[in-house]
Structures are given as structure tokens and as C-alpha cells.
Amino acid sequence: MAIRVAIDVMLAERQMSVGELAEKVGITPANISILKNNHARAIRFSTLEALCQALDCEPGDLLRRENRDPTAEDA
């Protein structure tokens, strides 16, 4: 199983840029990109809460659990 962050979907639905979201949340655009591209290993609850507030959503709207191919190598 893999947990994916669906920030790209939320940004598209709200016509918001990565830079605008980063400014509202108080983290760097690079860190938003890490989350958006599913390269993050963890996320602080405070960051998740700030993302939800900025995007007017619930944590379940951002986080998705996906089945991972058991033969695939971890990046």
C-alpha cells in the first residue's frame, strides 16, 4: 500500500498555483512540490491542517491509499 497526496487535483479544482498554496500554508514551493509529486515520507499534522484550511477540504480529500505493485522497487 502507498499513501498518495492529491494536492494536484485540489489545486486544479481551485485554480490555485503551487506558489499561492505555499504562501497560504507557510511552507516553501519546493516542499509543496515534494508533497505533490508523492516524494514525501511524512507530513506533520500541522502542515496537513494548514493545507486543509488553505484548500477548504478535509484530510481525506488530500490523502489516498493506493495498492502498490509488490514487485516494484521503492524509490
PDB file of N, CA and C in Angstrom:
ATOM      1  N   MET A   1       0.828  -1.177   0.000  1.00  0.00           N
ATOM      2  CA  MET A   1       0.000   0.000   0.000  1.00  0.00           C
ATOM      3  C   MET A   1       0.876   1.244   0.000  1.00  0.00           C
ATOM      4  N   ALA A   2       0.397   2.264  -0.632  1.00  0.00           N
ATOM      5  CA  ALA A   2       1.100   3.539  -0.673  1.00  0.00           C
ATOM      6  C   ALA A   2       0.094   4.651  -0.384  1.00  0.00           C
ATOM      7  N   ILE A   3       0.520   5.624   0.361  1.00  0.00           N
ATOM      8  CA  ILE A   3      -0.311   6.795   0.627  1.00  0.00           C
ATOM      9  C   ILE A   3       0.125   7.891  -0.343  1.00  0.00           C
ATOM     10  N   ARG A   4      -0.817   8.425  -1.065  1.00  0.00           N
ATOM     11  CA  ARG A   4      -0.562   9.477  -2.049  1.00  0.00           C
ATOM     12  C   ARG A   4      -1.236  10.766  -1.603  1.00  0.00           C
ATOM     13  N   VAL A   5      -0.609  11.887  -1.902  1.00  0.00           N
ATOM     14  CA  VAL A   5      -1.157  13.202  -1.577  1.00  0.00           C
ATOM     15  C   VAL A   5      -1.716  13.796  -2.864  1.00  0.00           C
ATOM     16  N   ALA A   6      -3.005  14.098  -2.866  1.00  0.00           N
ATOM     17  CA  ALA A   6      -3.705  14.550  -4.081  1.00  0.00           C
ATOM     18  C   ALA A   6      -3.765  16.074  -4.160  1.00  0.00           C
ATOM     19  N   ILE A   7      -2.654  16.730  -3.913  1.00  0.00           N
ATOM     20  CA  ILE A   7      -2.629  18.196  -3.960  1.00  0.00           C
ATOM     21  C   ILE A   7      -2.875  18.695  -5.373  1.00  0.00           C
ATOM     22  N   ASP A   8      -2.334  18.002  -6.370  1.00  0.00           N
ATOM     23  CA  ASP A   8      -2.501  18.462  -7.755  1.00  0.00           C
ATOM     24  C   ASP A   8      -3.966  18.553  -8.149  1.00  0.00           C
ATOM     25  N   VAL A   9      -4.771  17.601  -7.724  1.00  0.00           N
ATOM     26  CA  VAL A   9      -6.204  17.604  -8.020  1.00  0.00           C
ATOM     27  C   VAL A   9      -6.871  18.796  -7.344  1.00  0.00           C
ATOM     28  N   MET A  10      -6.539  18.998  -6.077  1.00  0.00           N
ATOM     29  CA  MET A  10      -7.134  20.099  -5.321  1.00  0.00           C
ATOM     30  C   MET A  10      -6.735  21.458  -5.904  1.00  0.00           C
ATOM     31  N   LEU A  11      -5.476  21.597  -6.308  1.00  0.00           N
ATOM     32  CA  LEU A  11      -5.023  22.851  -6.918  1.00  0.00           C
ATOM     33  C   LEU A  11      -5.766  23.119  -8.224  1.00  0.00           C
ATOM     34  N   ALA A  12      -5.913  22.101  -9.040  1.00  0.00           N
ATOM     35  CA  ALA A  12      -6.602  22.261 -10.327  1.00  0.00           C
ATOM     36  C   ALA A  12      -8.063  22.661 -10.114  1.00  0.00           C
ATOM     37  N   GLU A  13      -8.724  22.001  -9.172  1.00  0.00           N
ATOM     38  CA  GLU A  13     -10.132  22.308  -8.905  1.00  0.00           C
ATOM     39  C   GLU A  13     -10.309  23.739  -8.407  1.00  0.00           C
ATOM     40  N   ARG A  14      -9.304  24.263  -7.714  1.00  0.00           N
ATOM     41  CA  ARG A  14      -9.403  25.601  -7.141  1.00  0.00           C
ATOM     42  C   ARG A  14      -8.670  26.660  -7.960  1.00  0.00           C
ATOM     43  N   GLN A  15      -8.105  26.238  -9.086  1.00  0.00           N
ATOM     44  CA  GLN A  15      -7.342  27.131  -9.965  1.00  0.00           C
ATOM     45  C   GLN A  15      -6.319  27.929  -9.148  1.00  0.00           C
ATOM     46  N   MET A  16      -5.550  27.188  -8.347  1.00  0.00           N
ATOM     47  CA  MET A  16      -4.549  27.792  -7.463  1.00  0.00           C
ATOM     48  C   MET A  16      -3.169  27.287  -7.870  1.00  0.00           C
ATOM     49  N   SER A  17      -2.173  28.137  -7.787  1.00  0.00           N
ATOM     50  CA  SER A  17      -0.809  27.744  -8.125  1.00  0.00           C
ATOM     51  C   SER A  17      -0.106  27.163  -6.904  1.00  0.00           C
ATOM     52  N   VAL A  18       0.992  26.448  -7.161  1.00  0.00           N
ATOM     53  CA  VAL A  18       1.815  25.903  -6.083  1.00  0.00           C
ATOM     54  C   VAL A  18       2.344  27.044  -5.213  1.00  0.00           C
ATOM     55  N   GLY A  19       2.782  28.121  -5.842  1.00  0.00           N
ATOM     56  CA  GLY A  19       3.305  29.270  -5.105  1.00  0.00           C
ATOM     57  C   GLY A  19       2.265  29.906  -4.201  1.00  0.00           C
ATOM     58  N   GLU A  20       1.048  30.039  -4.703  1.00  0.00           N
ATOM     59  CA  GLU A  20      -0.036  30.617  -3.913  1.00  0.00           C
ATOM     60  C   GLU A  20      -0.363  29.724  -2.711  1.00  0.00           C
ATOM     61  N   LEU A  21      -0.416  28.407  -2.935  1.00  0.00           N
ATOM     62  CA  LEU A  21      -0.686  27.481  -1.842  1.00  0.00           C
ATOM     63  C   LEU A  21       0.438  27.532  -0.810  1.00  0.00           C
ATOM     64  N   ALA A  22       1.678  27.551  -1.283  1.00  0.00           N
ATOM     65  CA  ALA A  22       2.827  27.600  -0.375  1.00  0.00           C
ATOM     66  C   ALA A  22       2.758  28.840   0.513  1.00  0.00           C
ATOM     67  N   GLU A  23       2.394  29.961  -0.075  1.00  0.00           N
ATOM     68  CA  GLU A  23       2.290  31.201   0.691  1.00  0.00           C
ATOM     69  C   GLU A  23       1.188  31.103   1.749  1.00  0.00           C
ATOM     70  N   LYS A  24       0.043  30.543   1.384  1.00  0.00           N
ATOM     71  CA  LYS A  24      -1.066  30.408   2.331  1.00  0.00           C
ATOM     72  C   LYS A  24      -0.741  29.440   3.468  1.00  0.00           C
ATOM     73  N   VAL A  25       0.009  28.383   3.150  1.00  0.00           N
ATOM     74  CA  VAL A  25       0.323  27.351   4.140  1.00  0.00           C
ATOM     75  C   VAL A  25       1.529  27.747   4.988  1.00  0.00           C
ATOM     76  N   GLY A  26       2.442  28.516   4.401  1.00  0.00           N
ATOM     77  CA  GLY A  26       3.634  28.926   5.139  1.00  0.00           C
ATOM     78  C   GLY A  26       4.799  27.964   4.993  1.00  0.00           C
ATOM     79  N   ILE A  27       4.840  27.240   3.876  1.00  0.00           N
ATOM     80  CA  ILE A  27       5.984  26.388   3.567  1.00  0.00           C
ATOM     81  C   ILE A  27       6.481  26.745   2.168  1.00  0.00           C
ATOM     82  N   THR A  28       7.634  26.236   1.804  1.00  0.00           N
ATOM     83  CA  THR A  28       8.229  26.606   0.523  1.00  0.00           C
ATOM     84  C   THR A  28       7.520  25.912  -0.642  1.00  0.00           C
ATOM     85  N   PRO A  29       7.545  26.523  -1.816  1.00  0.00           N
ATOM     86  CA  PRO A  29       7.002  25.858  -3.003  1.00  0.00           C
ATOM     87  C   PRO A  29       7.695  24.510  -3.261  1.00  0.00           C
ATOM     88  N   ALA A  30       8.974  24.416  -2.924  1.00  0.00           N
ATOM     89  CA  ALA A  30       9.690  23.141  -3.105  1.00  0.00           C
ATOM     90  C   ALA A  30       9.067  22.045  -2.251  1.00  0.00           C
ATOM     91  N   ASN A  31       8.677  22.378  -1.027  1.00  0.00           N
ATOM     92  CA  ASN A  31       8.050  21.376  -0.165  1.00  0.00           C
ATOM     93  C   ASN A  31       6.649  21.013  -0.648  1.00  0.00           C
ATOM     94  N   ILE A  32       5.921  21.969  -1.194  1.00  0.00           N
ATOM     95  CA  ILE A  32       4.619  21.645  -1.805  1.00  0.00           C
ATOM     96  C   ILE A  32       4.842  20.687  -2.968  1.00  0.00           C
ATOM     97  N   SER A  33       5.869  20.937  -3.776  1.00  0.00           N
ATOM     98  CA  SER A  33       6.171  20.067  -4.917  1.00  0.00           C
ATOM     99  C   SER A  33       6.535  18.655  -4.468  1.00  0.00           C
ATOM    100  N   ILE A  34       7.268  18.548  -3.374  1.00  0.00           N
ATOM    101  CA  ILE A  34       7.615  17.223  -2.836  1.00  0.00           C
ATOM    102  C   ILE A  34       6.345  16.464  -2.466  1.00  0.00           C
ATOM    103  N   LEU A  35       5.407  17.141  -1.825  1.00  0.00           N
ATOM    104  CA  LEU A  35       4.133  16.507  -1.490  1.00  0.00           C
ATOM    105  C   LEU A  35       3.339  16.177  -2.751  1.00  0.00           C
ATOM    106  N   LYS A  36       3.280  17.133  -3.663  1.00  0.00           N
ATOM    107  CA  LYS A  36       2.500  16.989  -4.899  1.00  0.00           C
ATOM    108  C   LYS A  36       2.999  15.832  -5.754  1.00  0.00           C
ATOM    109  N   ASN A  37       4.309  15.631  -5.771  1.00  0.00           N
ATOM    110  CA  ASN A  37       4.902  14.576  -6.599  1.00  0.00           C
ATOM    111  C   ASN A  37       5.071  13.255  -5.842  1.00  0.00           C
ATOM    112  N   ASN A  38       4.475  13.194  -4.651  1.00  0.00           N
ATOM    113  CA  ASN A  38       4.482  11.978  -3.832  1.00  0.00           C
ATOM    114  C   ASN A  38       5.886  11.489  -3.490  1.00  0.00           C
ATOM    115  N   HIS A  39       6.775  12.426  -3.194  1.00  0.00           N
ATOM    116  CA  HIS A  39       8.125  12.078  -2.773  1.00  0.00           C
ATOM    117  C   HIS A  39       8.318  12.234  -1.274  1.00  0.00           C
ATOM    118  N   ALA A  40       7.275  12.689  -0.571  1.00  0.00           N
ATOM    119  CA  ALA A  40       7.369  12.887   0.880  1.00  0.00           C
ATOM    120  C   ALA A  40       7.244  11.556   1.601  1.00  0.00           C
ATOM    121  N   ARG A  41       7.998  11.407   2.674  1.00  0.00           N
ATOM    122  CA  ARG A  41       7.928  10.206   3.513  1.00  0.00           C
ATOM    123  C   ARG A  41       7.006  10.429   4.707  1.00  0.00           C
ATOM    124  N   ALA A  42       6.745  11.693   5.045  1.00  0.00           N
ATOM    125  CA  ALA A  42       5.912  12.017   6.198  1.00  0.00           C
ATOM    126  C   ALA A  42       5.341  13.423   6.009  1.00  0.00           C
ATOM    127  N   ILE A  43       4.310  13.717   6.768  1.00  0.00           N
ATOM    128  CA  ILE A  43       3.739  15.063   6.783  1.00  0.00           C
ATOM    129  C   ILE A  43       3.309  15.364   8.217  1.00  0.00           C
ATOM    130  N   ARG A  44       3.645  16.544   8.689  1.00  0.00           N
ATOM    131  CA  ARG A  44       3.246  16.949  10.035  1.00  0.00           C
ATOM    132  C   ARG A  44       1.736  17.224  10.039  1.00  0.00           C
ATOM    133  N   PHE A  45       1.098  16.917  11.168  1.00  0.00           N
ATOM    134  CA  PHE A  45      -0.321  17.216  11.289  1.00  0.00           C
ATOM    135  C   PHE A  45      -0.577  18.707  11.130  1.00  0.00           C
ATOM    136  N   SER A  46       0.330  19.529  11.620  1.00  0.00           N
ATOM    137  CA  SER A  46       0.149  20.977  11.492  1.00  0.00           C
ATOM    138  C   SER A  46       0.177  21.405  10.021  1.00  0.00           C
ATOM    139  N   THR A  47       1.029  20.767   9.223  1.00  0.00           N
ATOM    140  CA  THR A  47       1.077  21.065   7.787  1.00  0.00           C
ATOM    141  C   THR A  47      -0.188  20.568   7.103  1.00  0.00           C
ATOM    142  N   LEU A  48      -0.628  19.372   7.461  1.00  0.00           N
ATOM    143  CA  LEU A  48      -1.862  18.822   6.890  1.00  0.00           C
ATOM    144  C   LEU A  48      -3.039  19.723   7.234  1.00  0.00           C
ATOM    145  N   GLU A  49      -3.093  20.185   8.464  1.00  0.00           N
ATOM    146  CA  GLU A  49      -4.171  21.087   8.873  1.00  0.00           C
ATOM    147  C   GLU A  49      -4.125  22.399   8.079  1.00  0.00           C
ATOM    148  N   ALA A  50      -2.922  22.952   7.898  1.00  0.00           N
ATOM    149  CA  ALA A  50      -2.781  24.201   7.136  1.00  0.00           C
ATOM    150  C   ALA A  50      -3.171  23.997   5.675  1.00  0.00           C
ATOM    151  N   LEU A  51      -2.803  22.849   5.093  1.00  0.00           N
ATOM    152  CA  LEU A  51      -3.206  22.545   3.714  1.00  0.00           C
ATOM    153  C   LEU A  51      -4.730  22.469   3.599  1.00  0.00           C
ATOM    154  N   CYS A  52      -5.344  21.778   4.561  1.00  0.00           N
ATOM    155  CA  CYS A  52      -6.803  21.652   4.539  1.00  0.00           C
ATOM    156  C   CYS A  52      -7.487  23.000   4.684  1.00  0.00           C
ATOM    157  N   GLN A  53      -6.942  23.845   5.539  1.00  0.00           N
ATOM    158  CA  GLN A  53      -7.520  25.177   5.715  1.00  0.00           C
ATOM    159  C   GLN A  53      -7.372  25.996   4.429  1.00  0.00           C
ATOM    160  N   ALA A  54      -6.199  25.968   3.820  1.00  0.00           N
ATOM    161  CA  ALA A  54      -5.946  26.748   2.602  1.00  0.00           C
ATOM    162  C   ALA A  54      -6.774  26.251   1.425  1.00  0.00           C
ATOM    163  N   LEU A  55      -7.013  24.933   1.383  1.00  0.00           N
ATOM    164  CA  LEU A  55      -7.750  24.337   0.259  1.00  0.00           C
ATOM    165  C   LEU A  55      -9.227  24.113   0.581  1.00  0.00           C
ATOM    166  N   ASP A  56      -9.638  24.456   1.801  1.00  0.00           N
ATOM    167  CA  ASP A  56     -11.023  24.275   2.244  1.00  0.00           C
ATOM    168  C   ASP A  56     -11.482  22.835   1.994  1.00  0.00           C
ATOM    169  N   CYS A  57     -10.739  21.903   2.608  1.00  0.00           N
ATOM    170  CA  CYS A  57     -11.040  20.490   2.423  1.00  0.00           C
ATOM    171  C   CYS A  57     -10.765  19.721   3.703  1.00  0.00           C
ATOM    172  N   GLU A  58     -11.008  18.442   3.669  1.00  0.00           N
ATOM    173  CA  GLU A  58     -10.745  17.541   4.787  1.00  0.00           C
ATOM    174  C   GLU A  58      -9.494  16.718   4.483  1.00  0.00           C
ATOM    175  N   PRO A  59      -8.815  16.179   5.505  1.00  0.00           N
ATOM    176  CA  PRO A  59      -7.619  15.362   5.254  1.00  0.00           C
ATOM    177  C   PRO A  59      -7.877  14.211   4.273  1.00  0.00           C
ATOM    178  N   GLY A  60      -9.049  13.608   4.350  1.00  0.00           N
ATOM    179  CA  GLY A  60      -9.377  12.513   3.441  1.00  0.00           C
ATOM    180  C   GLY A  60      -9.485  12.942   1.983  1.00  0.00           C
ATOM    181  N   ASP A  61      -9.690  14.232   1.750  1.00  0.00           N
ATOM    182  CA  ASP A  61      -9.723  14.746   0.378  1.00  0.00           C
ATOM    183  C   ASP A  61      -8.322  14.810  -0.210  1.00  0.00           C
ATOM    184  N   LEU A  62      -7.320  14.934   0.656  1.00  0.00           N
ATOM    185  CA  LEU A  62      -5.929  15.065   0.205  1.00  0.00           C
ATOM    186  C   LEU A  62      -5.171  13.742   0.173  1.00  0.00           C
ATOM    187  N   LEU A  63      -5.493  12.854   1.093  1.00  0.00           N
ATOM    188  CA  LEU A  63      -4.731  11.611   1.235  1.00  0.00           C
ATOM    189  C   LEU A  63      -5.476  10.441   0.611  1.00  0.00           C
ATOM    190  N   ARG A  64      -4.749   9.673  -0.189  1.00  0.00           N
ATOM    191  CA  ARG A  64      -5.313   8.498  -0.865  1.00  0.00           C
ATOM    192  C   ARG A  64      -4.430   7.299  -0.599  1.00  0.00           C
ATOM    193  N   ARG A  65      -5.038   6.159  -0.350  1.00  0.00           N
ATOM    194  CA  ARG A  65      -4.289   4.915  -0.198  1.00  0.00           C
ATOM    195  C   ARG A  65      -4.432   4.133  -1.496  1.00  0.00           C
ATOM    196  N   GLU A  66      -3.303   3.766  -2.077  1.00  0.00           N
ATOM    197  CA  GLU A  66      -3.297   3.027  -3.342  1.00  0.00           C
ATOM    198  C   GLU A  66      -2.553   1.722  -3.168  1.00  0.00           C
ATOM    199  N   ASN A  67      -3.003   0.712  -3.877  1.00  0.00           N
ATOM    200  CA  ASN A  67      -2.284  -0.557  -3.882  1.00  0.00           C
ATOM    201  C   ASN A  67      -0.983  -0.379  -4.632  1.00  0.00           C
ATOM    202  N   ARG A  68       0.066  -0.941  -4.083  1.00  0.00           N
ATOM    203  CA  ARG A  68       1.384  -0.856  -4.698  1.00  0.00           C
ATOM    204  C   ARG A  68       1.711  -2.219  -5.300  1.00  0.00           C
ATOM    205  N   ASP A  69       2.348  -2.218  -6.452  1.00  0.00           N
ATOM    206  CA  ASP A  69       2.798  -3.454  -7.097  1.00  0.00           C
ATOM    207  C   ASP A  69       3.854  -4.094  -6.209  1.00  0.00           C
ATOM    208  N   PRO A  70       3.606  -5.328  -5.724  1.00  0.00           N
ATOM    209  CA  PRO A  70       4.571  -5.961  -4.808  1.00  0.00           C
ATOM    210  C   PRO A  70       5.929  -6.237  -5.442  1.00  0.00           C
ATOM    211  N   THR A  71       6.015  -6.215  -6.766  1.00  0.00           N
ATOM    212  CA  THR A  71       7.289  -6.452  -7.436  1.00  0.00           C
ATOM    213  C   THR A  71       8.046  -5.157  -7.695  1.00  0.00           C
ATOM    214  N   ALA A  72       7.391  -4.010  -7.464  1.00  0.00           N
ATOM    215  CA  ALA A  72       8.046  -2.725  -7.721  1.00  0.00           C
ATOM    216  C   ALA A  72       9.040  -2.408  -6.623  1.00  0.00           C
ATOM    217  N   GLU A  73      10.120  -1.758  -7.007  1.00  0.00           N
ATOM    218  CA  GLU A  73      11.142  -1.342  -6.049  1.00  0.00           C
ATOM    219  C   GLU A  73      10.771   0.001  -5.468  1.00  0.00           C
ATOM    220  N   ASP A  74      11.088   0.214  -4.189  1.00  0.00           N
ATOM    221  CA  ASP A  74      10.877   1.513  -3.576  1.00  0.00           C
ATOM    222  C   ASP A  74      11.897   2.489  -4.127  1.00  0.00           C
ATOM    223  N   ALA A  75      11.436   3.717  -4.414  1.00  0.00           N
ATOM    224  CA  ALA A  75      12.328   4.744  -4.947  1.00  0.00           C
ATOM    225  C   ALA A  75      13.169   5.367  -3.877  1.00  0.00           C
TER     226      ALA A  75
END
